[in-house]
Amino acid sequence: MGIRLPSILLNAKQVLKMQAMSARNQSDVPKGYIAVYVGEIQRKRFVVPISYLKHPSFVDLLKRSEEEFGFCHPMGGLTIPCREDAFINLTARLHTS
C-alpha cells in the first residue's frame, strides 16, 4: 500500500491549470487562489489560497475525497464532497496557522 500523494498533486495541478484558464473569464478568483466547491449534496463555492493545497490537513481531505469519490470536477473547480461546516473549520485553522 503506497501513498497516492503524487496522483493527488498531479490532479490538483491539472485543476489549477484549468482554473487558471477559466480565471481569465472569472475576475472573482484572484491570482494565487482557487475556487473550491464544498458540500455533500448542494455545493457552495469558496475561494481559498493555493497554498492550502500543500498543507497536510488539506491534503488529507483531498486524499479522502479522491478515495471515496474520485477526481471528477464538473463544476470547473476543485470539488470536495464534505460537510460545509467541517471545511470551514479546517480552513479557519489553516488561516490562523
PDB file of N, CA and C in Angstrom:
ATOM      1  N   MET A   1       0.856  -1.177   0.000  1.00  0.00           N
ATOM      2  CA  MET A   1       0.000   0.000   0.000  1.00  0.00           C
ATOM      3  C   MET A   1       0.892   1.227   0.000  1.00  0.00           C
ATOM      4  N   GLY A   2       0.823   2.008  -1.032  1.00  0.00           N
ATOM      5  CA  GLY A   2       1.643   3.204  -1.131  1.00  0.00           C
ATOM      6  C   GLY A   2       0.820   4.458  -0.960  1.00  0.00           C
ATOM      7  N   ILE A   3       1.511   5.521  -0.744  1.00  0.00           N
ATOM      8  CA  ILE A   3       0.850   6.812  -0.625  1.00  0.00           C
ATOM      9  C   ILE A   3       0.547   7.320  -2.025  1.00  0.00           C
ATOM     10  N   ARG A   4      -0.661   7.793  -2.231  1.00  0.00           N
ATOM     11  CA  ARG A   4      -1.081   8.246  -3.547  1.00  0.00           C
ATOM     12  C   ARG A   4      -0.968   9.754  -3.677  1.00  0.00           C
ATOM     13  N   LEU A   5      -0.125  10.348  -2.876  1.00  0.00           N
ATOM     14  CA  LEU A   5       0.028  11.795  -2.885  1.00  0.00           C
ATOM     15  C   LEU A   5       0.422  12.340  -4.250  1.00  0.00           C
ATOM     16  N   PRO A   6       1.356  11.700  -4.989  1.00  0.00           N
ATOM     17  CA  PRO A   6       1.700  12.247  -6.306  1.00  0.00           C
ATOM     18  C   PRO A   6       0.495  12.349  -7.239  1.00  0.00           C
ATOM     19  N   SER A   7      -0.404  11.356  -7.202  1.00  0.00           N
ATOM     20  CA  SER A   7      -1.578  11.432  -8.073  1.00  0.00           C
ATOM     21  C   SER A   7      -2.496  12.560  -7.637  1.00  0.00           C
ATOM     22  N   ILE A   8      -2.582  12.799  -6.336  1.00  0.00           N
ATOM     23  CA  ILE A   8      -3.402  13.894  -5.833  1.00  0.00           C
ATOM     24  C   ILE A   8      -2.829  15.221  -6.304  1.00  0.00           C
ATOM     25  N   LEU A   9      -1.520  15.373  -6.160  1.00  0.00           N
ATOM     26  CA  LEU A   9      -0.886  16.627  -6.577  1.00  0.00           C
ATOM     27  C   LEU A   9      -0.980  16.825  -8.076  1.00  0.00           C
ATOM     28  N   LEU A  10      -0.810  15.741  -8.847  1.00  0.00           N
ATOM     29  CA  LEU A  10      -0.922  15.841 -10.295  1.00  0.00           C
ATOM     30  C   LEU A  10      -2.322  16.287 -10.679  1.00  0.00           C
ATOM     31  N   ASN A  11      -3.328  15.660 -10.089  1.00  0.00           N
ATOM     32  CA  ASN A  11      -4.703  16.042 -10.384  1.00  0.00           C
ATOM     33  C   ASN A  11      -4.989  17.462  -9.923  1.00  0.00           C
ATOM     34  N   ALA A  12      -4.468  17.846  -8.763  1.00  0.00           N
ATOM     35  CA  ALA A  12      -4.668  19.211  -8.267  1.00  0.00           C
ATOM     36  C   ALA A  12      -4.012  20.209  -9.216  1.00  0.00           C
ATOM     37  N   LYS A  13      -2.834  19.866  -9.754  1.00  0.00           N
ATOM     38  CA  LYS A  13      -2.161  20.752 -10.702  1.00  0.00           C
ATOM     39  C   LYS A  13      -2.985  20.895 -11.982  1.00  0.00           C
ATOM     40  N   GLN A  14      -3.598  19.788 -12.420  1.00  0.00           N
ATOM     41  CA  GLN A  14      -4.446  19.863 -13.609  1.00  0.00           C
ATOM     42  C   GLN A  14      -5.646  20.766 -13.351  1.00  0.00           C
ATOM     43  N   VAL A  15      -6.214  20.652 -12.154  1.00  0.00           N
ATOM     44  CA  VAL A  15      -7.339  21.509 -11.794  1.00  0.00           C
ATOM     45  C   VAL A  15      -6.890  22.966 -11.764  1.00  0.00           C
ATOM     46  N   LEU A  16      -5.695  23.205 -11.219  1.00  0.00           N
ATOM     47  CA  LEU A  16      -5.186  24.576 -11.168  1.00  0.00           C
ATOM     48  C   LEU A  16      -4.991  25.145 -12.565  1.00  0.00           C
ATOM     49  N   LYS A  17      -4.495  24.324 -13.490  1.00  0.00           N
ATOM     50  CA  LYS A  17      -4.311  24.788 -14.863  1.00  0.00           C
ATOM     51  C   LYS A  17      -5.653  25.148 -15.482  1.00  0.00           C
ATOM     52  N   MET A  18      -6.665  24.266 -15.265  1.00  0.00           N
ATOM     53  CA  MET A  18      -8.000  24.550 -15.781  1.00  0.00           C
ATOM     54  C   MET A  18      -8.548  25.810 -15.138  1.00  0.00           C
ATOM     55  N   GLN A  19      -8.298  25.947 -13.832  1.00  0.00           N
ATOM     56  CA  GLN A  19      -8.772  27.128 -13.110  1.00  0.00           C
ATOM     57  C   GLN A  19      -8.095  28.388 -13.644  1.00  0.00           C
ATOM     58  N   ALA A  20      -6.809  28.294 -13.942  1.00  0.00           N
ATOM     59  CA  ALA A  20      -6.088  29.458 -14.464  1.00  0.00           C
ATOM     60  C   ALA A  20      -6.663  29.886 -15.807  1.00  0.00           C
ATOM     61  N   MET A  21      -7.016  28.912 -16.647  1.00  0.00           N
ATOM     62  CA  MET A  21      -7.606  29.249 -17.940  1.00  0.00           C
ATOM     63  C   MET A  21      -8.975  29.885 -17.765  1.00  0.00           C
ATOM     64  N   SER A  22      -9.774  29.352 -16.857  1.00  0.00           N
ATOM     65  CA  SER A  22     -11.104  29.910 -16.664  1.00  0.00           C
ATOM     66  C   SER A  22     -11.062  31.187 -15.832  1.00  0.00           C
ATOM     67  N   ALA A  23      -9.983  31.400 -15.085  1.00  0.00           N
ATOM     68  CA  ALA A  23      -9.859  32.614 -14.262  1.00  0.00           C
ATOM     69  C   ALA A  23      -9.785  33.860 -15.131  1.00  0.00           C
ATOM     70  N   ARG A  24      -9.342  33.691 -16.361  1.00  0.00           N
ATOM     71  CA  ARG A  24      -9.319  34.837 -17.274  1.00  0.00           C
ATOM     72  C   ARG A  24     -10.727  35.375 -17.479  1.00  0.00           C
ATOM     73  N   ASN A  25     -11.692  34.457 -17.427  1.00  0.00           N
ATOM     74  CA  ASN A  25     -13.083  34.853 -17.620  1.00  0.00           C
ATOM     75  C   ASN A  25     -13.787  35.139 -16.300  1.00  0.00           C
ATOM     76  N   GLN A  26     -13.183  34.750 -15.189  1.00  0.00           N
ATOM     77  CA  GLN A  26     -13.804  34.930 -13.884  1.00  0.00           C
ATOM     78  C   GLN A  26     -12.926  35.842 -13.039  1.00  0.00           C
ATOM     79  N   SER A  27     -13.294  37.088 -12.974  1.00  0.00           N
ATOM     80  CA  SER A  27     -12.465  38.041 -12.247  1.00  0.00           C
ATOM     81  C   SER A  27     -12.623  37.924 -10.742  1.00  0.00           C
ATOM     82  N   ASP A  28     -13.521  37.076 -10.262  1.00  0.00           N
ATOM     83  CA  ASP A  28     -13.741  36.957  -8.834  1.00  0.00           C
ATOM     84  C   ASP A  28     -12.792  35.969  -8.156  1.00  0.00           C
ATOM     85  N   VAL A  29     -11.901  35.334  -8.904  1.00  0.00           N
ATOM     86  CA  VAL A  29     -10.886  34.449  -8.317  1.00  0.00           C
ATOM     87  C   VAL A  29      -9.537  35.131  -8.504  1.00  0.00           C
ATOM     88  N   PRO A  30      -9.016  35.729  -7.431  1.00  0.00           N
ATOM     89  CA  PRO A  30      -7.746  36.441  -7.567  1.00  0.00           C
ATOM     90  C   PRO A  30      -6.575  35.492  -7.812  1.00  0.00           C
ATOM     91  N   LYS A  31      -5.524  36.041  -8.353  1.00  0.00           N
ATOM     92  CA  LYS A  31      -4.314  35.265  -8.595  1.00  0.00           C
ATOM     93  C   LYS A  31      -3.811  34.705  -7.266  1.00  0.00           C
ATOM     94  N   GLY A  32      -3.402  33.427  -7.276  1.00  0.00           N
ATOM     95  CA  GLY A  32      -2.917  32.776  -6.059  1.00  0.00           C
ATOM     96  C   GLY A  32      -4.010  32.073  -5.272  1.00  0.00           C
ATOM     97  N   TYR A  33      -5.224  32.045  -5.825  1.00  0.00           N
ATOM     98  CA  TYR A  33      -6.362  31.414  -5.166  1.00  0.00           C
ATOM     99  C   TYR A  33      -7.015  30.418  -6.120  1.00  0.00           C
ATOM    100  N   ILE A  34      -7.858  29.566  -5.569  1.00  0.00           N
ATOM    101  CA  ILE A  34      -8.576  28.581  -6.360  1.00  0.00           C
ATOM    102  C   ILE A  34     -10.014  28.490  -5.852  1.00  0.00           C
ATOM    103  N   ALA A  35     -10.925  28.245  -6.776  1.00  0.00           N
ATOM    104  CA  ALA A  35     -12.320  28.026  -6.398  1.00  0.00           C
ATOM    105  C   ALA A  35     -12.476  26.583  -5.952  1.00  0.00           C
ATOM    106  N   VAL A  36     -13.135  26.393  -4.825  1.00  0.00           N
ATOM    107  CA  VAL A  36     -13.390  25.065  -4.280  1.00  0.00           C
ATOM    108  C   VAL A  36     -14.883  24.952  -4.026  1.00  0.00           C
ATOM    109  N   TYR A  37     -15.488  23.881  -4.531  1.00  0.00           N
ATOM    110  CA  TYR A  37     -16.905  23.633  -4.317  1.00  0.00           C
ATOM    111  C   TYR A  37     -17.045  22.585  -3.231  1.00  0.00           C
ATOM    112  N   VAL A  38     -17.785  22.931  -2.174  1.00  0.00           N
ATOM    113  CA  VAL A  38     -17.863  22.085  -0.991  1.00  0.00           C
ATOM    114  C   VAL A  38     -19.316  21.766  -0.684  1.00  0.00           C
ATOM    115  N   GLY A  39     -19.561  20.516  -0.336  1.00  0.00           N
ATOM    116  CA  GLY A  39     -20.892  20.110   0.090  1.00  0.00           C
ATOM    117  C   GLY A  39     -21.160  18.671  -0.283  1.00  0.00           C
ATOM    118  N   GLU A  40     -21.996  18.036   0.509  1.00  0.00           N
ATOM    119  CA  GLU A  40     -22.328  16.638   0.247  1.00  0.00           C
ATOM    120  C   GLU A  40     -23.410  16.512  -0.824  1.00  0.00           C
ATOM    121  N   ILE A  41     -24.395  17.388  -0.796  1.00  0.00           N
ATOM    122  CA  ILE A  41     -25.479  17.345  -1.786  1.00  0.00           C
ATOM    123  C   ILE A  41     -25.472  18.632  -2.597  1.00  0.00           C
ATOM    124  N   GLN A  42     -25.677  19.730  -1.927  1.00  0.00           N
ATOM    125  CA  GLN A  42     -25.627  21.024  -2.578  1.00  0.00           C
ATOM    126  C   GLN A  42     -24.235  21.615  -2.388  1.00  0.00           C
ATOM    127  N   ARG A  43     -23.624  22.087  -3.439  1.00  0.00           N
ATOM    128  CA  ARG A  43     -22.257  22.611  -3.387  1.00  0.00           C
ATOM    129  C   ARG A  43     -22.261  24.126  -3.164  1.00  0.00           C
ATOM    130  N   LYS A  44     -21.365  24.576  -2.284  1.00  0.00           N
ATOM    131  CA  LYS A  44     -21.159  26.004  -2.072  1.00  0.00           C
ATOM    132  C   LYS A  44     -19.741  26.338  -2.516  1.00  0.00           C
ATOM    133  N   ARG A  45     -19.575  27.456  -3.173  1.00  0.00           N
ATOM    134  CA  ARG A  45     -18.280  27.850  -3.727  1.00  0.00           C
ATOM    135  C   ARG A  45     -17.495  28.674  -2.720  1.00  0.00           C
ATOM    136  N   PHE A  46     -16.235  28.277  -2.514  1.00  0.00           N
ATOM    137  CA  PHE A  46     -15.298  29.005  -1.673  1.00  0.00           C
ATOM    138  C   PHE A  46     -14.083  29.335  -2.513  1.00  0.00           C
ATOM    139  N   VAL A  47     -13.422  30.431  -2.202  1.00  0.00           N
ATOM    140  CA  VAL A  47     -12.170  30.794  -2.859  1.00  0.00           C
ATOM    141  C   VAL A  47     -11.100  30.748  -1.776  1.00  0.00           C
ATOM    142  N   VAL A  48     -10.128  29.842  -1.952  1.00  0.00           N
ATOM    143  CA  VAL A  48      -9.093  29.634  -0.931  1.00  0.00           C
ATOM    144  C   VAL A  48      -7.709  29.814  -1.543  1.00  0.00           C
ATOM    145  N   PRO A  49      -6.720  30.152  -0.724  1.00  0.00           N
ATOM    146  CA  PRO A  49      -5.349  30.291  -1.245  1.00  0.00           C
ATOM    147  C   PRO A  49      -4.815  28.959  -1.769  1.00  0.00           C
ATOM    148  N   ILE A  50      -4.075  29.018  -2.844  1.00  0.00           N
ATOM    149  CA  ILE A  50      -3.471  27.814  -3.420  1.00  0.00           C
ATOM    150  C   ILE A  50      -2.534  27.153  -2.411  1.00  0.00           C
ATOM    151  N   SER A  51      -1.948  27.938  -1.524  1.00  0.00           N
ATOM    152  CA  SER A  51      -1.021  27.385  -0.529  1.00  0.00           C
ATOM    153  C   SER A  51      -1.679  26.318   0.344  1.00  0.00           C
ATOM    154  N   TYR A  52      -3.006  26.344   0.473  1.00  0.00           N
ATOM    155  CA  TYR A  52      -3.711  25.321   1.258  1.00  0.00           C
ATOM    156  C   TYR A  52      -3.506  23.926   0.658  1.00  0.00           C
ATOM    157  N   LEU A  53      -3.265  23.861  -0.652  1.00  0.00           N
ATOM    158  CA  LEU A  53      -3.090  22.559  -1.307  1.00  0.00           C
ATOM    159  C   LEU A  53      -1.855  21.817  -0.810  1.00  0.00           C
ATOM    160  N   LYS A  54      -0.946  22.507  -0.156  1.00  0.00           N
ATOM    161  CA  LYS A  54       0.273  21.880   0.368  1.00  0.00           C
ATOM    162  C   LYS A  54       0.145  21.499   1.839  1.00  0.00           C
ATOM    163  N   HIS A  55      -0.852  22.027   2.525  1.00  0.00           N
ATOM    164  CA  HIS A  55      -0.980  21.788   3.967  1.00  0.00           C
ATOM    165  C   HIS A  55      -1.433  20.347   4.218  1.00  0.00           C
ATOM    166  N   PRO A  56      -0.772  19.632   5.156  1.00  0.00           N
ATOM    167  CA  PRO A  56      -1.100  18.218   5.398  1.00  0.00           C
ATOM    168  C   PRO A  56      -2.586  17.957   5.697  1.00  0.00           C
ATOM    169  N   SER A  57      -3.240  18.824   6.428  1.00  0.00           N
ATOM    170  CA  SER A  57      -4.663  18.615   6.738  1.00  0.00           C
ATOM    171  C   SER A  57      -5.518  18.730   5.480  1.00  0.00           C
ATOM    172  N   PHE A  58      -5.193  19.686   4.627  1.00  0.00           N
ATOM    173  CA  PHE A  58      -5.948  19.863   3.387  1.00  0.00           C
ATOM    174  C   PHE A  58      -5.663  18.708   2.428  1.00  0.00           C
ATOM    175  N   VAL A  59      -4.408  18.271   2.366  1.00  0.00           N
ATOM    176  CA  VAL A  59      -4.036  17.129   1.519  1.00  0.00           C
ATOM    177  C   VAL A  59      -4.778  15.880   1.983  1.00  0.00           C
ATOM    178  N   ASP A  60      -4.905  15.705   3.300  1.00  0.00           N
ATOM    179  CA  ASP A  60      -5.642  14.562   3.831  1.00  0.00           C
ATOM    180  C   ASP A  60      -7.103  14.619   3.390  1.00  0.00           C
ATOM    181  N   LEU A  61      -7.707  15.796   3.445  1.00  0.00           N
ATOM    182  CA  LEU A  61      -9.085  15.963   2.998  1.00  0.00           C
ATOM    183  C   LEU A  61      -9.212  15.635   1.513  1.00  0.00           C
ATOM    184  N   LEU A  62      -8.262  16.102   0.707  1.00  0.00           N
ATOM    185  CA  LEU A  62      -8.275  15.795  -0.726  1.00  0.00           C
ATOM    186  C   LEU A  62      -8.114  14.303  -0.975  1.00  0.00           C
ATOM    187  N   LYS A  63      -7.230  13.682  -0.212  1.00  0.00           N
ATOM    188  CA  LYS A  63      -6.982  12.250  -0.371  1.00  0.00           C
ATOM    189  C   LYS A  63      -8.245  11.449  -0.047  1.00  0.00           C
ATOM    190  N   ARG A  64      -8.912  11.801   1.055  1.00  0.00           N
ATOM    191  CA  ARG A  64     -10.140  11.096   1.419  1.00  0.00           C
ATOM    192  C   ARG A  64     -11.226  11.316   0.374  1.00  0.00           C
ATOM    193  N   SER A  65     -11.306  12.519  -0.173  1.00  0.00           N
ATOM    194  CA  SER A  65     -12.287  12.799  -1.226  1.00  0.00           C
ATOM    195  C   SER A  65     -12.001  11.973  -2.475  1.00  0.00           C
ATOM    196  N   GLU A  66     -10.719  11.898  -2.844  1.00  0.00           N
ATOM    197  CA  GLU A  66     -10.346  11.121  -4.031  1.00  0.00           C
ATOM    198  C   GLU A  66     -10.671   9.652  -3.838  1.00  0.00           C
ATOM    199  N   GLU A  67     -10.340   9.111  -2.665  1.00  0.00           N
ATOM    200  CA  GLU A  67     -10.585   7.692  -2.410  1.00  0.00           C
ATOM    201  C   GLU A  67     -12.067   7.354  -2.464  1.00  0.00           C
ATOM    202  N   GLU A  68     -12.888   8.258  -1.964  1.00  0.00           N
ATOM    203  CA  GLU A  68     -14.315   7.979  -1.895  1.00  0.00           C
ATOM    204  C   GLU A  68     -15.059   8.361  -3.167  1.00  0.00           C
ATOM    205  N   PHE A  69     -14.673   9.474  -3.801  1.00  0.00           N
ATOM    206  CA  PHE A  69     -15.453   9.997  -4.904  1.00  0.00           C
ATOM    207  C   PHE A  69     -14.691  10.164  -6.210  1.00  0.00           C
ATOM    208  N   GLY A  70     -13.374   9.973  -6.212  1.00  0.00           N
ATOM    209  CA  GLY A  70     -12.588  10.183  -7.423  1.00  0.00           C
ATOM    210  C   GLY A  70     -12.296  11.656  -7.647  1.00  0.00           C
ATOM    211  N   PHE A  71     -11.731  11.953  -8.801  1.00  0.00           N
ATOM    212  CA  PHE A  71     -11.350  13.323  -9.115  1.00  0.00           C
ATOM    213  C   PHE A  71     -12.127  13.822 -10.333  1.00  0.00           C
ATOM    214  N   CYS A  72     -13.429  13.845 -10.230  1.00  0.00           N
ATOM    215  CA  CYS A  72     -14.280  14.389 -11.278  1.00  0.00           C
ATOM    216  C   CYS A  72     -14.760  15.754 -10.812  1.00  0.00           C
ATOM    217  N   HIS A  73     -14.475  16.792 -11.580  1.00  0.00           N
ATOM    218  CA  HIS A  73     -14.807  18.158 -11.177  1.00  0.00           C
ATOM    219  C   HIS A  73     -15.648  18.836 -12.253  1.00  0.00           C
ATOM    220  N   PRO A  74     -16.928  18.470 -12.340  1.00  0.00           N
ATOM    221  CA  PRO A  74     -17.769  19.012 -13.410  1.00  0.00           C
ATOM    222  C   PRO A  74     -18.054  20.505 -13.278  1.00  0.00           C
ATOM    223  N   MET A  75     -17.830  21.083 -12.105  1.00  0.00           N
ATOM    224  CA  MET A  75     -18.145  22.491 -11.905  1.00  0.00           C
ATOM    225  C   MET A  75     -16.977  23.397 -12.302  1.00  0.00           C
ATOM    226  N   GLY A  76     -15.851  22.825 -12.719  1.00  0.00           N
ATOM    227  CA  GLY A  76     -14.727  23.622 -13.169  1.00  0.00           C
ATOM    228  C   GLY A  76     -13.719  23.953 -12.088  1.00  0.00           C
ATOM    229  N   GLY A  77     -14.036  23.713 -10.855  1.00  0.00           N
ATOM    230  CA  GLY A  77     -13.121  23.937  -9.739  1.00  0.00           C
ATOM    231  C   GLY A  77     -12.971  22.642  -8.969  1.00  0.00           C
ATOM    232  N   LEU A  78     -12.196  22.680  -7.975  1.00  0.00           N
ATOM    233  CA  LEU A  78     -11.975  21.519  -7.124  1.00  0.00           C
ATOM    234  C   LEU A  78     -13.243  21.245  -6.331  1.00  0.00           C
ATOM    235  N   THR A  79     -13.755  20.007  -6.386  1.00  0.00           N
ATOM    236  CA  THR A  79     -14.976  19.643  -5.681  1.00  0.00           C
ATOM    237  C   THR A  79     -14.637  18.727  -4.517  1.00  0.00           C
ATOM    238  N   ILE A  80     -15.052  19.130  -3.320  1.00  0.00           N
ATOM    239  CA  ILE A  80     -14.799  18.343  -2.112  1.00  0.00           C
ATOM    240  C   ILE A  80     -16.152  18.028  -1.475  1.00  0.00           C
ATOM    241  N   PRO A  81     -16.598  16.784  -1.579  1.00  0.00           N
ATOM    242  CA  PRO A  81     -17.915  16.423  -1.058  1.00  0.00           C
ATOM    243  C   PRO A  81     -17.890  16.125   0.439  1.00  0.00           C
ATOM    244  N   CYS A  82     -17.677  17.151   1.239  1.00  0.00           N
ATOM    245  CA  CYS A  82     -17.700  17.002   2.690  1.00  0.00           C
ATOM    246  C   CYS A  82     -18.679  18.012   3.267  1.00  0.00           C
ATOM    247  N   ARG A  83     -18.932  17.913   4.549  1.00  0.00           N
ATOM    248  CA  ARG A  83     -19.831  18.871   5.197  1.00  0.00           C
ATOM    249  C   ARG A  83     -19.214  20.262   5.146  1.00  0.00           C
ATOM    250  N   GLU A  84     -20.038  21.239   4.863  1.00  0.00           N
ATOM    251  CA  GLU A  84     -19.568  22.618   4.749  1.00  0.00           C
ATOM    252  C   GLU A  84     -18.948  23.112   6.051  1.00  0.00           C
ATOM    253  N   ASP A  85     -19.555  22.785   7.179  1.00  0.00           N
ATOM    254  CA  ASP A  85     -19.014  23.248   8.463  1.00  0.00           C
ATOM    255  C   ASP A  85     -17.649  22.641   8.760  1.00  0.00           C
ATOM    256  N   ALA A  86     -17.418  21.401   8.329  1.00  0.00           N
ATOM    257  CA  ALA A  86     -16.106  20.770   8.521  1.00  0.00           C
ATOM    258  C   ALA A  86     -15.049  21.486   7.674  1.00  0.00           C
ATOM    259  N   PHE A  87     -15.413  21.865   6.449  1.00  0.00           N
ATOM    260  CA  PHE A  87     -14.486  22.583   5.581  1.00  0.00           C
ATOM    261  C   PHE A  87     -14.167  23.963   6.145  1.00  0.00           C
ATOM    262  N   ILE A  88     -15.173  24.656   6.618  1.00  0.00           N
ATOM    263  CA  ILE A  88     -14.965  25.983   7.196  1.00  0.00           C
ATOM    264  C   ILE A  88     -14.070  25.894   8.431  1.00  0.00           C
ATOM    265  N   ASN A  89     -14.296  24.880   9.251  1.00  0.00           N
ATOM    266  CA  ASN A  89     -13.465  24.675  10.442  1.00  0.00           C
ATOM    267  C   ASN A  89     -12.009  24.433  10.047  1.00  0.00           C
ATOM    268  N   LEU A  90     -11.786  23.580   9.046  1.00  0.00           N
ATOM    269  CA  LEU A  90     -10.426  23.290   8.598  1.00  0.00           C
ATOM    270  C   LEU A  90      -9.752  24.536   8.028  1.00  0.00           C
ATOM    271  N   THR A  91     -10.423  25.267   7.169  1.00  0.00           N
ATOM    272  CA  THR A  91      -9.795  26.447   6.579  1.00  0.00           C
ATOM    273  C   THR A  91      -9.562  27.550   7.605  1.00  0.00           C
ATOM    274  N   ALA A  92     -10.399  27.623   8.619  1.00  0.00           N
ATOM    275  CA  ALA A  92     -10.180  28.607   9.676  1.00  0.00           C
ATOM    276  C   ALA A  92      -8.907  28.271  10.442  1.00  0.00           C
ATOM    277  N   ARG A  93      -8.693  26.964  10.693  1.00  0.00           N
ATOM    278  CA  ARG A  93      -7.454  26.555  11.378  1.00  0.00           C
ATOM    279  C   ARG A  93      -6.243  26.812  10.494  1.00  0.00           C
ATOM    280  N   LEU A  94      -6.357  26.572   9.193  1.00  0.00           N
ATOM    281  CA  LEU A  94      -5.232  26.824   8.292  1.00  0.00           C
ATOM    282  C   LEU A  94      -4.925  28.317   8.199  1.00  0.00           C
ATOM    283  N   HIS A  95      -5.952  29.125   8.237  1.00  0.00           N
ATOM    284  CA  HIS A  95      -5.777  30.580   8.132  1.00  0.00           C
ATOM    285  C   HIS A  95      -5.018  31.151   9.344  1.00  0.00           C
ATOM    286  N   THR A  96      -5.250  30.562  10.508  1.00  0.00           N
ATOM    287  CA  THR A  96      -4.609  31.078  11.729  1.00  0.00           C
ATOM    288  C   THR A  96      -3.220  30.497  11.959  1.00  0.00           C
ATOM    289  N   SER A  97      -2.861  29.448  11.216  1.00  0.00           N
ATOM    290  CA  SER A  97      -1.532  28.847  11.431  1.00  0.00           C
ATOM    291  C   SER A  97      -0.477  29.456  10.560  1.00  0.00           C
TER     292      SER A  97
END
